[in-house]
Amino acid sequence: QVHLVESGGGLVQAGGSLRLSCALSGSTFNMYSMGWFRQGPGKEREFVAAIGRTGGSTDFADSVKGRFTISRDNAKNTVYLQMSSLKSEDTAVYYCAAQSRVIVRLRASSAYEYWGQGTQVTVSS
């Protein structure tokens, strides 16, 4: 059974940085494209960033482009979301997700088969 565990969330001041990690267990990590989504207070869950199986392809929401980076370490079964220049509107619960689809849909939450429990990121202004 696949498990995803996020870590690295917390409270940070606007303009600061955080790095989120998500570790996958129970399966072969490089079978999965990985995504990060977030859900802010009173908002729907939204796509943040994603990375393909080899790390050769990435995608970002316009709202985080240039501020967030995504990477993966297949030897450690872990995907990372480096967040910089954080804004109050980045406050949300951040979820990582995994999909093994042959035809990858990085931005579609419905394409992801497995989800973590989420980690809270709070940006104070």
PDB file of N, CA and C in Angstrom:
ATOM      1  N   GLN A   1       0.849  -1.187   0.000  1.00  0.00           N
ATOM      2  CA  GLN A   1       0.000   0.000   0.000  1.00  0.00           C
ATOM      3  C   GLN A   1       0.890   1.244   0.000  1.00  0.00           C
ATOM      4  N   VAL A   2       0.551   2.176  -0.847  1.00  0.00           N
ATOM      5  CA  VAL A   2       1.350   3.389  -0.971  1.00  0.00           C
ATOM      6  C   VAL A   2       0.984   4.376   0.138  1.00  0.00           C
ATOM      7  N   HIS A   3       2.008   4.914   0.765  1.00  0.00           N
ATOM      8  CA  HIS A   3       1.815   5.964   1.759  1.00  0.00           C
ATOM      9  C   HIS A   3       2.659   7.169   1.379  1.00  0.00           C
ATOM     10  N   LEU A   4       2.072   8.338   1.563  1.00  0.00           N
ATOM     11  CA  LEU A   4       2.774   9.590   1.346  1.00  0.00           C
ATOM     12  C   LEU A   4       2.749  10.376   2.648  1.00  0.00           C
ATOM     13  N   VAL A   5       3.911  10.852   3.055  1.00  0.00           N
ATOM     14  CA  VAL A   5       3.998  11.609   4.296  1.00  0.00           C
ATOM     15  C   VAL A   5       4.714  12.918   4.027  1.00  0.00           C
ATOM     16  N   GLU A   6       3.994  14.022   4.230  1.00  0.00           N
ATOM     17  CA  GLU A   6       4.576  15.347   4.045  1.00  0.00           C
ATOM     18  C   GLU A   6       5.204  15.840   5.346  1.00  0.00           C
ATOM     19  N   SER A   7       6.176  16.698   5.207  1.00  0.00           N
ATOM     20  CA  SER A   7       6.796  17.351   6.359  1.00  0.00           C
ATOM     21  C   SER A   7       7.364  18.685   5.913  1.00  0.00           C
ATOM     22  N   GLY A   8       7.698  19.528   6.899  1.00  0.00           N
ATOM     23  CA  GLY A   8       8.349  20.783   6.599  1.00  0.00           C
ATOM     24  C   GLY A   8       7.473  22.008   6.682  1.00  0.00           C
ATOM     25  N   GLY A   9       6.197  21.816   6.928  1.00  0.00           N
ATOM     26  CA  GLY A   9       5.325  22.970   7.056  1.00  0.00           C
ATOM     27  C   GLY A   9       5.593  23.733   8.343  1.00  0.00           C
ATOM     28  N   GLY A  10       4.975  24.895   8.452  1.00  0.00           N
ATOM     29  CA  GLY A  10       5.150  25.690   9.653  1.00  0.00           C
ATOM     30  C   GLY A  10       4.727  27.123   9.445  1.00  0.00           C
ATOM     31  N   LEU A  11       5.144  27.962  10.365  1.00  0.00           N
ATOM     32  CA  LEU A  11       4.828  29.388  10.340  1.00  0.00           C
ATOM     33  C   LEU A  11       6.049  30.150   9.858  1.00  0.00           C
ATOM     34  N   VAL A  12       5.847  31.018   8.898  1.00  0.00           N
ATOM     35  CA  VAL A  12       6.950  31.808   8.343  1.00  0.00           C
ATOM     36  C   VAL A  12       6.442  33.206   8.039  1.00  0.00           C
ATOM     37  N   GLN A  13       7.340  34.170   8.118  1.00  0.00           N
ATOM     38  CA  GLN A  13       6.965  35.538   7.785  1.00  0.00           C
ATOM     39  C   GLN A  13       6.926  35.729   6.277  1.00  0.00           C
ATOM     40  N   ALA A  14       6.134  36.663   5.852  1.00  0.00           N
ATOM     41  CA  ALA A  14       6.072  36.991   4.426  1.00  0.00           C
ATOM     42  C   ALA A  14       7.476  37.330   3.929  1.00  0.00           C
ATOM     43  N   GLY A  15       7.778  36.816   2.757  1.00  0.00           N
ATOM     44  CA  GLY A  15       9.101  36.997   2.195  1.00  0.00           C
ATOM     45  C   GLY A  15      10.068  35.884   2.533  1.00  0.00           C
ATOM     46  N   GLY A  16       9.688  35.043   3.452  1.00  0.00           N
ATOM     47  CA  GLY A  16      10.547  33.954   3.885  1.00  0.00           C
ATOM     48  C   GLY A  16      10.440  32.735   2.993  1.00  0.00           C
ATOM     49  N   SER A  17      11.095  31.669   3.433  1.00  0.00           N
ATOM     50  CA  SER A  17      11.168  30.437   2.646  1.00  0.00           C
ATOM     51  C   SER A  17      10.866  29.232   3.521  1.00  0.00           C
ATOM     52  N   LEU A  18      10.383  28.199   2.874  1.00  0.00           N
ATOM     53  CA  LEU A  18      10.170  26.903   3.509  1.00  0.00           C
ATOM     54  C   LEU A  18      10.427  25.834   2.463  1.00  0.00           C
ATOM     55  N   ARG A  19      10.851  24.671   2.918  1.00  0.00           N
ATOM     56  CA  ARG A  19      10.952  23.526   2.025  1.00  0.00           C
ATOM     57  C   ARG A  19      10.088  22.405   2.565  1.00  0.00           C
ATOM     58  N   LEU A  20       9.167  21.983   1.731  1.00  0.00           N
ATOM     59  CA  LEU A  20       8.327  20.841   2.071  1.00  0.00           C
ATOM     60  C   LEU A  20       8.934  19.575   1.477  1.00  0.00           C
ATOM     61  N   SER A  21       8.770  18.491   2.199  1.00  0.00           N
ATOM     62  CA  SER A  21       9.217  17.187   1.723  1.00  0.00           C
ATOM     63  C   SER A  21       8.035  16.229   1.742  1.00  0.00           C
ATOM     64  N   CYS A  22       8.089  15.272   0.857  1.00  0.00           N
ATOM     65  CA  CYS A  22       7.058  14.239   0.814  1.00  0.00           C
ATOM     66  C   CYS A  22       7.743  12.915   0.510  1.00  0.00           C
ATOM     67  N   ALA A  23       7.644  11.996   1.434  1.00  0.00           N
ATOM     68  CA  ALA A  23       8.264  10.688   1.277  1.00  0.00           C
ATOM     69  C   ALA A  23       7.217   9.650   0.896  1.00  0.00           C
ATOM     70  N   LEU A  24       7.543   8.866  -0.104  1.00  0.00           N
ATOM     71  CA  LEU A  24       6.637   7.792  -0.553  1.00  0.00           C
ATOM     72  C   LEU A  24       7.182   6.452  -0.081  1.00  0.00           C
ATOM     73  N   SER A  25       6.300   5.619   0.416  1.00  0.00           N
ATOM     74  CA  SER A  25       6.676   4.263   0.802  1.00  0.00           C
ATOM     75  C   SER A  25       5.636   3.284   0.285  1.00  0.00           C
ATOM     76  N   GLY A  26       6.035   2.020   0.188  1.00  0.00           N
ATOM     77  CA  GLY A  26       5.107   0.981  -0.216  1.00  0.00           C
ATOM     78  C   GLY A  26       5.089   0.684  -1.698  1.00  0.00           C
ATOM     79  N   SER A  27       5.895   1.387  -2.460  1.00  0.00           N
ATOM     80  CA  SER A  27       5.936   1.135  -3.887  1.00  0.00           C
ATOM     81  C   SER A  27       7.229   1.719  -4.444  1.00  0.00           C
ATOM     82  N   THR A  28       7.403   1.570  -5.745  1.00  0.00           N
ATOM     83  CA  THR A  28       8.610   2.068  -6.391  1.00  0.00           C
ATOM     84  C   THR A  28       8.411   3.518  -6.785  1.00  0.00           C
ATOM     85  N   PHE A  29       9.184   4.388  -6.166  1.00  0.00           N
ATOM     86  CA  PHE A  29       8.966   5.836  -6.295  1.00  0.00           C
ATOM     87  C   PHE A  29       9.035   6.301  -7.739  1.00  0.00           C
ATOM     88  N   ASN A  30       9.978   5.766  -8.515  1.00  0.00           N
ATOM     89  CA  ASN A  30      10.139   6.306  -9.863  1.00  0.00           C
ATOM     90  C   ASN A  30       9.060   5.849 -10.831  1.00  0.00           C
ATOM     91  N   MET A  31       8.059   5.124 -10.341  1.00  0.00           N
ATOM     92  CA  MET A  31       6.884   4.805 -11.154  1.00  0.00           C
ATOM     93  C   MET A  31       5.895   5.965 -11.181  1.00  0.00           C
ATOM     94  N   TYR A  32       6.087   6.941 -10.300  1.00  0.00           N
ATOM     95  CA  TYR A  32       5.070   7.958 -10.078  1.00  0.00           C
ATOM     96  C   TYR A  32       5.521   9.355 -10.474  1.00  0.00           C
ATOM     97  N   SER A  33       4.622  10.042 -11.161  1.00  0.00           N
ATOM     98  CA  SER A  33       4.742  11.494 -11.237  1.00  0.00           C
ATOM     99  C   SER A  33       4.182  12.049  -9.939  1.00  0.00           C
ATOM    100  N   MET A  34       4.766  13.141  -9.472  1.00  0.00           N
ATOM    101  CA  MET A  34       4.403  13.670  -8.167  1.00  0.00           C
ATOM    102  C   MET A  34       3.900  15.099  -8.282  1.00  0.00           C
ATOM    103  N   GLY A  35       2.902  15.408  -7.492  1.00  0.00           N
ATOM    104  CA  GLY A  35       2.349  16.746  -7.511  1.00  0.00           C
ATOM    105  C   GLY A  35       2.181  17.319  -6.121  1.00  0.00           C
ATOM    106  N   TRP A  36       2.125  18.626  -6.070  1.00  0.00           N
ATOM    107  CA  TRP A  36       1.775  19.351  -4.850  1.00  0.00           C
ATOM    108  C   TRP A  36       0.513  20.160  -5.124  1.00  0.00           C
ATOM    109  N   PHE A  37      -0.413  20.069  -4.192  1.00  0.00           N
ATOM    110  CA  PHE A  37      -1.645  20.841  -4.239  1.00  0.00           C
ATOM    111  C   PHE A  37      -1.784  21.560  -2.900  1.00  0.00           C
ATOM    112  N   ARG A  38      -2.670  22.539  -2.869  1.00  0.00           N
ATOM    113  CA  ARG A  38      -2.899  23.225  -1.603  1.00  0.00           C
ATOM    114  C   ARG A  38      -4.360  23.625  -1.495  1.00  0.00           C
ATOM    115  N   GLN A  39      -4.778  23.783  -0.249  1.00  0.00           N
ATOM    116  CA  GLN A  39      -6.140  24.232   0.011  1.00  0.00           C
ATOM    117  C   GLN A  39      -6.092  25.281   1.105  1.00  0.00           C
ATOM    118  N   GLY A  40      -6.379  26.516   0.711  1.00  0.00           N
ATOM    119  CA  GLY A  40      -6.400  27.618   1.650  1.00  0.00           C
ATOM    120  C   GLY A  40      -7.731  27.705   2.362  1.00  0.00           C
ATOM    121  N   PRO A  41      -7.810  28.514   3.401  1.00  0.00           N
ATOM    122  CA  PRO A  41      -9.044  28.661   4.163  1.00  0.00           C
ATOM    123  C   PRO A  41     -10.198  29.115   3.269  1.00  0.00           C
ATOM    124  N   GLY A  42     -11.255  28.346   3.265  1.00  0.00           N
ATOM    125  CA  GLY A  42     -12.426  28.700   2.477  1.00  0.00           C
ATOM    126  C   GLY A  42     -12.259  28.561   0.978  1.00  0.00           C
ATOM    127  N   LYS A  43     -11.189  27.898   0.566  1.00  0.00           N
ATOM    128  CA  LYS A  43     -10.928  27.754  -0.874  1.00  0.00           C
ATOM    129  C   LYS A  43     -10.939  26.295  -1.287  1.00  0.00           C
ATOM    130  N   GLU A  44     -11.070  26.082  -2.574  1.00  0.00           N
ATOM    131  CA  GLU A  44     -10.966  24.737  -3.109  1.00  0.00           C
ATOM    132  C   GLU A  44      -9.491  24.345  -3.254  1.00  0.00           C
ATOM    133  N   ARG A  45      -9.275  23.054  -3.281  1.00  0.00           N
ATOM    134  CA  ARG A  45      -7.914  22.569  -3.494  1.00  0.00           C
ATOM    135  C   ARG A  45      -7.436  22.983  -4.882  1.00  0.00           C
ATOM    136  N   GLU A  46      -6.186  23.435  -4.969  1.00  0.00           N
ATOM    137  CA  GLU A  46      -5.652  23.896  -6.241  1.00  0.00           C
ATOM    138  C   GLU A  46      -4.274  23.320  -6.500  1.00  0.00           C
ATOM    139  N   PHE A  47      -3.969  23.199  -7.754  1.00  0.00           N
ATOM    140  CA  PHE A  47      -2.663  22.713  -8.202  1.00  0.00           C
ATOM    141  C   PHE A  47      -1.588  23.740  -7.884  1.00  0.00           C
ATOM    142  N   VAL A  48      -0.437  23.241  -7.448  1.00  0.00           N
ATOM    143  CA  VAL A  48       0.701  24.118  -7.160  1.00  0.00           C
ATOM    144  C   VAL A  48       1.872  23.806  -8.093  1.00  0.00           C
ATOM    145  N   ALA A  49       2.303  22.560  -8.083  1.00  0.00           N
ATOM    146  CA  ALA A  49       3.474  22.177  -8.884  1.00  0.00           C
ATOM    147  C   ALA A  49       3.478  20.670  -9.061  1.00  0.00           C
ATOM    148  N   ALA A  50       4.195  20.215 -10.081  1.00  0.00           N
ATOM    149  CA  ALA A  50       4.301  18.779 -10.319  1.00  0.00           C
ATOM    150  C   ALA A  50       5.596  18.466 -11.045  1.00  0.00           C
ATOM    151  N   ILE A  51       5.992  17.218 -10.953  1.00  0.00           N
ATOM    152  CA  ILE A  51       7.239  16.784 -11.571  1.00  0.00           C
ATOM    153  C   ILE A  51       7.060  15.375 -12.107  1.00  0.00           C
ATOM    154  N   GLY A  52       7.631  15.126 -13.279  1.00  0.00           N
ATOM    155  CA  GLY A  52       7.521  13.813 -13.882  1.00  0.00           C
ATOM    156  C   GLY A  52       8.410  12.789 -13.197  1.00  0.00           C
ATOM    157  N   ARG A  53       8.295  11.551 -13.691  1.00  0.00           N
ATOM    158  CA  ARG A  53       8.962  10.431 -13.041  1.00  0.00           C
ATOM    159  C   ARG A  53      10.469  10.589 -12.939  1.00  0.00           C
ATOM    160  N   THR A  54      11.076  11.145 -13.953  1.00  0.00           N
ATOM    161  CA  THR A  54      12.531  11.273 -13.965  1.00  0.00           C
ATOM    162  C   THR A  54      12.998  12.641 -13.481  1.00  0.00           C
ATOM    163  N   GLY A  55      12.056  13.538 -13.291  1.00  0.00           N
ATOM    164  CA  GLY A  55      12.419  14.902 -12.933  1.00  0.00           C
ATOM    165  C   GLY A  55      12.676  15.793 -14.134  1.00  0.00           C
ATOM    166  N   GLY A  56      12.520  15.219 -15.316  1.00  0.00           N
ATOM    167  CA  GLY A  56      12.806  15.985 -16.521  1.00  0.00           C
ATOM    168  C   GLY A  56      11.725  16.963 -16.916  1.00  0.00           C
ATOM    169  N   SER A  57      10.548  16.788 -16.381  1.00  0.00           N
ATOM    170  CA  SER A  57       9.455  17.704 -16.690  1.00  0.00           C
ATOM    171  C   SER A  57       8.855  18.233 -15.398  1.00  0.00           C
ATOM    172  N   THR A  58       8.573  19.517 -15.402  1.00  0.00           N
ATOM    173  CA  THR A  58       7.943  20.156 -14.248  1.00  0.00           C
ATOM    174  C   THR A  58       6.852  21.101 -14.746  1.00  0.00           C
ATOM    175  N   ASP A  59       5.951  21.431 -13.863  1.00  0.00           N
ATOM    176  CA  ASP A  59       4.881  22.359 -14.180  1.00  0.00           C
ATOM    177  C   ASP A  59       4.536  23.125 -12.907  1.00  0.00           C
ATOM    178  N   PHE A  60       4.157  24.367 -13.077  1.00  0.00           N
ATOM    179  CA  PHE A  60       3.851  25.218 -11.936  1.00  0.00           C
ATOM    180  C   PHE A  60       2.597  26.032 -12.202  1.00  0.00           C
ATOM    181  N   ALA A  61       1.852  26.267 -11.159  1.00  0.00           N
ATOM    182  CA  ALA A  61       0.750  27.212 -11.255  1.00  0.00           C
ATOM    183  C   ALA A  61       1.328  28.607 -11.467  1.00  0.00           C
ATOM    184  N   ASP A  62       0.599  29.420 -12.189  1.00  0.00           N
ATOM    185  CA  ASP A  62       1.087  30.777 -12.459  1.00  0.00           C
ATOM    186  C   ASP A  62       1.345  31.544 -11.169  1.00  0.00           C
ATOM    187  N   SER A  63       0.552  31.266 -10.155  1.00  0.00           N
ATOM    188  CA  SER A  63       0.659  32.019  -8.906  1.00  0.00           C
ATOM    189  C   SER A  63       1.963  31.750  -8.146  1.00  0.00           C
ATOM    190  N   VAL A  64       2.642  30.661  -8.474  1.00  0.00           N
ATOM    191  CA  VAL A  64       3.878  30.333  -7.755  1.00  0.00           C
ATOM    192  C   VAL A  64       5.097  30.311  -8.674  1.00  0.00           C
ATOM    193  N   LYS A  65       4.881  30.466  -9.950  1.00  0.00           N
ATOM    194  CA  LYS A  65       5.989  30.397 -10.904  1.00  0.00           C
ATOM    195  C   LYS A  65       7.025  31.460 -10.574  1.00  0.00           C
ATOM    196  N   GLY A  66       8.279  31.036 -10.553  1.00  0.00           N
ATOM    197  CA  GLY A  66       9.356  31.951 -10.222  1.00  0.00           C
ATOM    198  C   GLY A  66       9.645  32.050  -8.732  1.00  0.00           C
ATOM    199  N   ARG A  67       8.749  31.543  -7.903  1.00  0.00           N
ATOM    200  CA  ARG A  67       8.953  31.567  -6.452  1.00  0.00           C
ATOM    201  C   ARG A  67       9.141  30.169  -5.869  1.00  0.00           C
ATOM    202  N   PHE A  68       8.499  29.186  -6.470  1.00  0.00           N
ATOM    203  CA  PHE A  68       8.570  27.807  -5.980  1.00  0.00           C
ATOM    204  C   PHE A  68       9.343  26.961  -6.983  1.00  0.00           C
ATOM    205  N   THR A  69      10.060  25.990  -6.470  1.00  0.00           N
ATOM    206  CA  THR A  69      10.679  24.973  -7.309  1.00  0.00           C
ATOM    207  C   THR A  69      10.313  23.593  -6.778  1.00  0.00           C
ATOM    208  N   ILE A  70      10.298  22.633  -7.670  1.00  0.00           N
ATOM    209  CA  ILE A  70       9.995  21.260  -7.289  1.00  0.00           C
ATOM    210  C   ILE A  70      11.142  20.376  -7.744  1.00  0.00           C
ATOM    211  N   SER A  71      11.479  19.411  -6.931  1.00  0.00           N
ATOM    212  CA  SER A  71      12.543  18.482  -7.291  1.00  0.00           C
ATOM    213  C   SER A  71      12.242  17.139  -6.649  1.00  0.00           C
ATOM    214  N   ARG A  72      12.963  16.142  -7.086  1.00  0.00           N
ATOM    215  CA  ARG A  72      12.767  14.811  -6.509  1.00  0.00           C
ATOM    216  C   ARG A  72      14.110  14.108  -6.407  1.00  0.00           C
ATOM    217  N   ASP A  73      14.204  13.253  -5.423  1.00  0.00           N
ATOM    218  CA  ASP A  73      15.377  12.413  -5.240  1.00  0.00           C
ATOM    219  C   ASP A  73      14.878  10.973  -5.261  1.00  0.00           C
ATOM    220  N   ASN A  74      15.043  10.320  -6.392  1.00  0.00           N
ATOM    221  CA  ASN A  74      14.507   8.970  -6.534  1.00  0.00           C
ATOM    222  C   ASN A  74      15.237   7.963  -5.636  1.00  0.00           C
ATOM    223  N   ALA A  75      16.446   8.282  -5.238  1.00  0.00           N
ATOM    224  CA  ALA A  75      17.172   7.398  -4.328  1.00  0.00           C
ATOM    225  C   ALA A  75      16.605   7.463  -2.909  1.00  0.00           C
ATOM    226  N   LYS A  76      15.976   8.605  -2.590  1.00  0.00           N
ATOM    227  CA  LYS A  76      15.407   8.791  -1.248  1.00  0.00           C
ATOM    228  C   LYS A  76      13.887   8.691  -1.242  1.00  0.00           C
ATOM    229  N   ASN A  77      13.299   8.395  -2.411  1.00  0.00           N
ATOM    230  CA  ASN A  77      11.833   8.275  -2.508  1.00  0.00           C
ATOM    231  C   ASN A  77      11.124   9.529  -2.016  1.00  0.00           C
ATOM    232  N   THR A  78      11.688  10.676  -2.340  1.00  0.00           N
ATOM    233  CA  THR A  78      11.189  11.928  -1.781  1.00  0.00           C
ATOM    234  C   THR A  78      11.076  13.004  -2.853  1.00  0.00           C
ATOM    235  N   VAL A  79      10.006  13.766  -2.750  1.00  0.00           N
ATOM    236  CA  VAL A  79       9.821  14.945  -3.597  1.00  0.00           C
ATOM    237  C   VAL A  79       9.822  16.167  -2.691  1.00  0.00           C
ATOM    238  N   TYR A  80      10.359  17.255  -3.224  1.00  0.00           N
ATOM    239  CA  TYR A  80      10.512  18.481  -2.446  1.00  0.00           C
ATOM    240  C   TYR A  80       9.792  19.639  -3.128  1.00  0.00           C
ATOM    241  N   LEU A  81       9.309  20.539  -2.310  1.00  0.00           N
ATOM    242  CA  LEU A  81       8.765  21.798  -2.807  1.00  0.00           C
ATOM    243  C   LEU A  81       9.476  22.914  -2.057  1.00  0.00           C
ATOM    244  N   GLN A  82      10.350  23.611  -2.769  1.00  0.00           N
ATOM    245  CA  GLN A  82      11.054  24.740  -2.185  1.00  0.00           C
ATOM    246  C   GLN A  82      10.244  25.994  -2.448  1.00  0.00           C
ATOM    247  N   MET A  83       9.845  26.651  -1.385  1.00  0.00           N
ATOM    248  CA  MET A  83       8.979  27.821  -1.504  1.00  0.00           C
ATOM    249  C   MET A  83       9.749  29.043  -1.015  1.00  0.00           C
ATOM    250  N   SER A  84       9.819  30.049  -1.856  1.00  0.00           N
ATOM    251  CA  SER A  84      10.535  31.282  -1.519  1.00  0.00           C
ATOM    252  C   SER A  84       9.613  32.474  -1.751  1.00  0.00           C
ATOM    253  N   SER A  85      10.023  33.610  -1.217  1.00  0.00           N
ATOM    254  CA  SER A  85       9.234  34.839  -1.366  1.00  0.00           C
ATOM    255  C   SER A  85       7.781  34.594  -1.015  1.00  0.00           C
ATOM    256  N   LEU A  86       7.568  33.948   0.099  1.00  0.00           N
ATOM    257  CA  LEU A  86       6.216  33.549   0.469  1.00  0.00           C
ATOM    258  C   LEU A  86       5.334  34.751   0.760  1.00  0.00           C
ATOM    259  N   LYS A  87       4.074  34.592   0.405  1.00  0.00           N
ATOM    260  CA  LYS A  87       3.072  35.628   0.584  1.00  0.00           C
ATOM    261  C   LYS A  87       1.969  35.087   1.488  1.00  0.00           C
ATOM    262  N   SER A  88       1.199  35.992   2.042  1.00  0.00           N
ATOM    263  CA  SER A  88       0.106  35.555   2.923  1.00  0.00           C
ATOM    264  C   SER A  88      -0.874  34.664   2.176  1.00  0.00           C
ATOM    265  N   GLU A  89      -1.021  34.904   0.884  1.00  0.00           N
ATOM    266  CA  GLU A  89      -1.964  34.091   0.107  1.00  0.00           C
ATOM    267  C   GLU A  89      -1.452  32.680  -0.151  1.00  0.00           C
ATOM    268  N   ASP A  90      -0.221  32.397   0.227  1.00  0.00           N
ATOM    269  CA  ASP A  90       0.294  31.032   0.136  1.00  0.00           C
ATOM    270  C   ASP A  90      -0.117  30.192   1.343  1.00  0.00           C
ATOM    271  N   THR A  91      -0.736  30.828   2.322  1.00  0.00           N
ATOM    272  CA  THR A  91      -1.202  30.096   3.497  1.00  0.00           C
ATOM    273  C   THR A  91      -2.221  29.040   3.093  1.00  0.00           C
ATOM    274  N   ALA A  92      -1.939  27.809   3.457  1.00  0.00           N
ATOM    275  CA  ALA A  92      -2.798  26.694   3.055  1.00  0.00           C
ATOM    276  C   ALA A  92      -2.283  25.405   3.680  1.00  0.00           C
ATOM    277  N   VAL A  93      -3.099  24.382   3.564  1.00  0.00           N
ATOM    278  CA  VAL A  93      -2.612  23.029   3.805  1.00  0.00           C
ATOM    279  C   VAL A  93      -2.076  22.515   2.473  1.00  0.00           C
ATOM    280  N   TYR A  94      -0.861  22.034   2.491  1.00  0.00           N
ATOM    281  CA  TYR A  94      -0.211  21.545   1.281  1.00  0.00           C
ATOM    282  C   TYR A  94      -0.220  20.019   1.278  1.00  0.00           C
ATOM    283  N   TYR A  95      -0.649  19.479   0.153  1.00  0.00           N
ATOM    284  CA  TYR A  95      -0.744  18.035  -0.011  1.00  0.00           C
ATOM    285  C   TYR A  95       0.171  17.575  -1.139  1.00  0.00           C
ATOM    286  N   CYS A  96       0.843  16.464  -0.937  1.00  0.00           N
ATOM    287  CA  CYS A  96       1.524  15.855  -2.066  1.00  0.00           C
ATOM    288  C   CYS A  96       0.681  14.684  -2.566  1.00  0.00           C
ATOM    289  N   ALA A  97       0.883  14.357  -3.817  1.00  0.00           N
ATOM    290  CA  ALA A  97       0.089  13.324  -4.459  1.00  0.00           C
ATOM    291  C   ALA A  97       0.936  12.593  -5.484  1.00  0.00           C
ATOM    292  N   ALA A  98       0.539  11.355  -5.775  1.00  0.00           N
ATOM    293  CA  ALA A  98       1.288  10.524  -6.711  1.00  0.00           C
ATOM    294  C   ALA A  98       0.358   9.922  -7.745  1.00  0.00           C
ATOM    295  N   GLN A  99       0.815   9.894  -9.000  1.00  0.00           N
ATOM    296  CA  GLN A  99       0.059   9.236 -10.060  1.00  0.00           C
ATOM    297  C   GLN A  99       0.987   8.372 -10.898  1.00  0.00           C
ATOM    298  N   SER A 100       0.456   7.222 -11.315  1.00  0.00           N
ATOM    299  CA  SER A 100       1.245   6.290 -12.114  1.00  0.00           C
ATOM    300  C   SER A 100       0.710   6.161 -13.530  1.00  0.00           C
ATOM    301  N   ARG A 101      -0.127   7.102 -13.922  1.00  0.00           N
ATOM    302  CA  ARG A 101      -0.728   7.032 -15.248  1.00  0.00           C
ATOM    303  C   ARG A 101       0.322   7.049 -16.354  1.00  0.00           C
ATOM    304  N   VAL A 102       0.054   6.324 -17.406  1.00  0.00           N
ATOM    305  CA  VAL A 102       0.936   6.353 -18.576  1.00  0.00           C
ATOM    306  C   VAL A 102       0.802   7.707 -19.266  1.00  0.00           C
ATOM    307  N   ILE A 103      -0.430   8.128 -19.444  1.00  0.00           N
ATOM    308  CA  ILE A 103      -0.685   9.464 -19.986  1.00  0.00           C
ATOM    309  C   ILE A 103      -0.847  10.389 -18.791  1.00  0.00           C
ATOM    310  N   VAL A 104       0.179  11.140 -18.526  1.00  0.00           N
ATOM    311  CA  VAL A 104       0.242  11.928 -17.298  1.00  0.00           C
ATOM    312  C   VAL A 104      -0.566  13.211 -17.441  1.00  0.00           C
ATOM    313  N   ARG A 105      -1.296  13.506 -16.398  1.00  0.00           N
ATOM    314  CA  ARG A 105      -2.022  14.769 -16.319  1.00  0.00           C
ATOM    315  C   ARG A 105      -1.572  15.449 -15.036  1.00  0.00           C
ATOM    316  N   LEU A 106      -0.551  16.262 -15.156  1.00  0.00           N
ATOM    317  CA  LEU A 106       0.107  16.781 -13.962  1.00  0.00           C
ATOM    318  C   LEU A 106      -0.770  17.733 -13.159  1.00  0.00           C
ATOM    319  N   ARG A 107      -1.647  18.480 -13.823  1.00  0.00           N
ATOM    320  CA  ARG A 107      -2.408  19.511 -13.127  1.00  0.00           C
ATOM    321  C   ARG A 107      -3.745  19.019 -12.586  1.00  0.00           C
ATOM    322  N   ALA A 108      -4.156  17.837 -12.995  1.00  0.00           N
ATOM    323  CA  ALA A 108      -5.495  17.367 -12.638  1.00  0.00           C
ATOM    324  C   ALA A 108      -5.457  16.568 -11.340  1.00  0.00           C
ATOM    325  N   SER A 109      -6.117  17.074 -10.310  1.00  0.00           N
ATOM    326  CA  SER A 109      -6.125  16.361  -9.034  1.00  0.00           C
ATOM    327  C   SER A 109      -6.763  14.985  -9.168  1.00  0.00           C
ATOM    328  N   SER A 110      -7.716  14.863 -10.077  1.00  0.00           N
ATOM    329  CA  SER A 110      -8.405  13.575 -10.263  1.00  0.00           C
ATOM    330  C   SER A 110      -7.484  12.509 -10.838  1.00  0.00           C
ATOM    331  N   ALA A 111      -6.356  12.916 -11.414  1.00  0.00           N
ATOM    332  CA  ALA A 111      -5.421  11.955 -12.005  1.00  0.00           C
ATOM    333  C   ALA A 111      -4.528  11.297 -10.966  1.00  0.00           C
ATOM    334  N   TYR A 112      -4.485  11.851  -9.789  1.00  0.00           N
ATOM    335  CA  TYR A 112      -3.592  11.348  -8.748  1.00  0.00           C
ATOM    336  C   TYR A 112      -4.283  10.267  -7.926  1.00  0.00           C
ATOM    337  N   GLU A 113      -3.551   9.167  -7.748  1.00  0.00           N
ATOM    338  CA  GLU A 113      -4.134   8.006  -7.071  1.00  0.00           C
ATOM    339  C   GLU A 113      -3.921   8.032  -5.569  1.00  0.00           C
ATOM    340  N   TYR A 114      -2.832   8.638  -5.149  1.00  0.00           N
ATOM    341  CA  TYR A 114      -2.487   8.592  -3.732  1.00  0.00           C
ATOM    342  C   TYR A 114      -2.209  10.012  -3.228  1.00  0.00           C
ATOM    343  N   TRP A 115      -2.610  10.236  -1.989  1.00  0.00           N
ATOM    344  CA  TRP A 115      -2.480  11.551  -1.376  1.00  0.00           C
ATOM    345  C   TRP A 115      -1.894  11.428   0.021  1.00  0.00           C
ATOM    346  N   GLY A 116      -1.135  12.457   0.398  1.00  0.00           N
ATOM    347  CA  GLY A 116      -0.675  12.545   1.767  1.00  0.00           C
ATOM    348  C   GLY A 116      -1.727  13.196   2.650  1.00  0.00           C
ATOM    349  N   GLN A 117      -1.381  13.306   3.915  1.00  0.00           N
ATOM    350  CA  GLN A 117      -2.344  13.847   4.879  1.00  0.00           C
ATOM    351  C   GLN A 117      -2.328  15.371   4.939  1.00  0.00           C
ATOM    352  N   GLY A 118      -1.321  15.968   4.352  1.00  0.00           N
ATOM    353  CA  GLY A 118      -1.227  17.419   4.313  1.00  0.00           C
ATOM    354  C   GLY A 118      -0.345  17.993   5.404  1.00  0.00           C
ATOM    355  N   THR A 119       0.235  19.141   5.112  1.00  0.00           N
ATOM    356  CA  THR A 119       1.039  19.864   6.091  1.00  0.00           C
ATOM    357  C   THR A 119       0.683  21.342   6.000  1.00  0.00           C
ATOM    358  N   GLN A 120       0.515  21.968   7.146  1.00  0.00           N
ATOM    359  CA  GLN A 120       0.054  23.358   7.194  1.00  0.00           C
ATOM    360  C   GLN A 120       1.215  24.315   6.966  1.00  0.00           C
ATOM    361  N   VAL A 121       0.983  25.259   6.083  1.00  0.00           N
ATOM    362  CA  VAL A 121       1.917  26.368   5.874  1.00  0.00           C
ATOM    363  C   VAL A 121       1.159  27.651   6.178  1.00  0.00           C
ATOM    364  N   THR A 122       1.687  28.433   7.091  1.00  0.00           N
ATOM    365  CA  THR A 122       1.072  29.694   7.458  1.00  0.00           C
ATOM    366  C   THR A 122       2.086  30.809   7.256  1.00  0.00           C
ATOM    367  N   VAL A 123       1.695  31.778   6.453  1.00  0.00           N
ATOM    368  CA  VAL A 123       2.567  32.912   6.155  1.00  0.00           C
ATOM    369  C   VAL A 123       1.979  34.144   6.825  1.00  0.00           C
ATOM    370  N   SER A 124       2.728  34.720   7.720  1.00  0.00           N
ATOM    371  CA  SER A 124       2.246  35.899   8.429  1.00  0.00           C
ATOM    372  C   SER A 124       2.742  37.157   7.735  1.00  0.00           C
ATOM    373  N   SER A 125       1.862  38.116   7.644  1.00  0.00           N
ATOM    374  CA  SER A 125       2.208  39.363   6.939  1.00  0.00           C
ATOM    375  C   SER A 125       2.685  40.426   7.918  1.00  0.00           C
TER     376      SER A 125
END
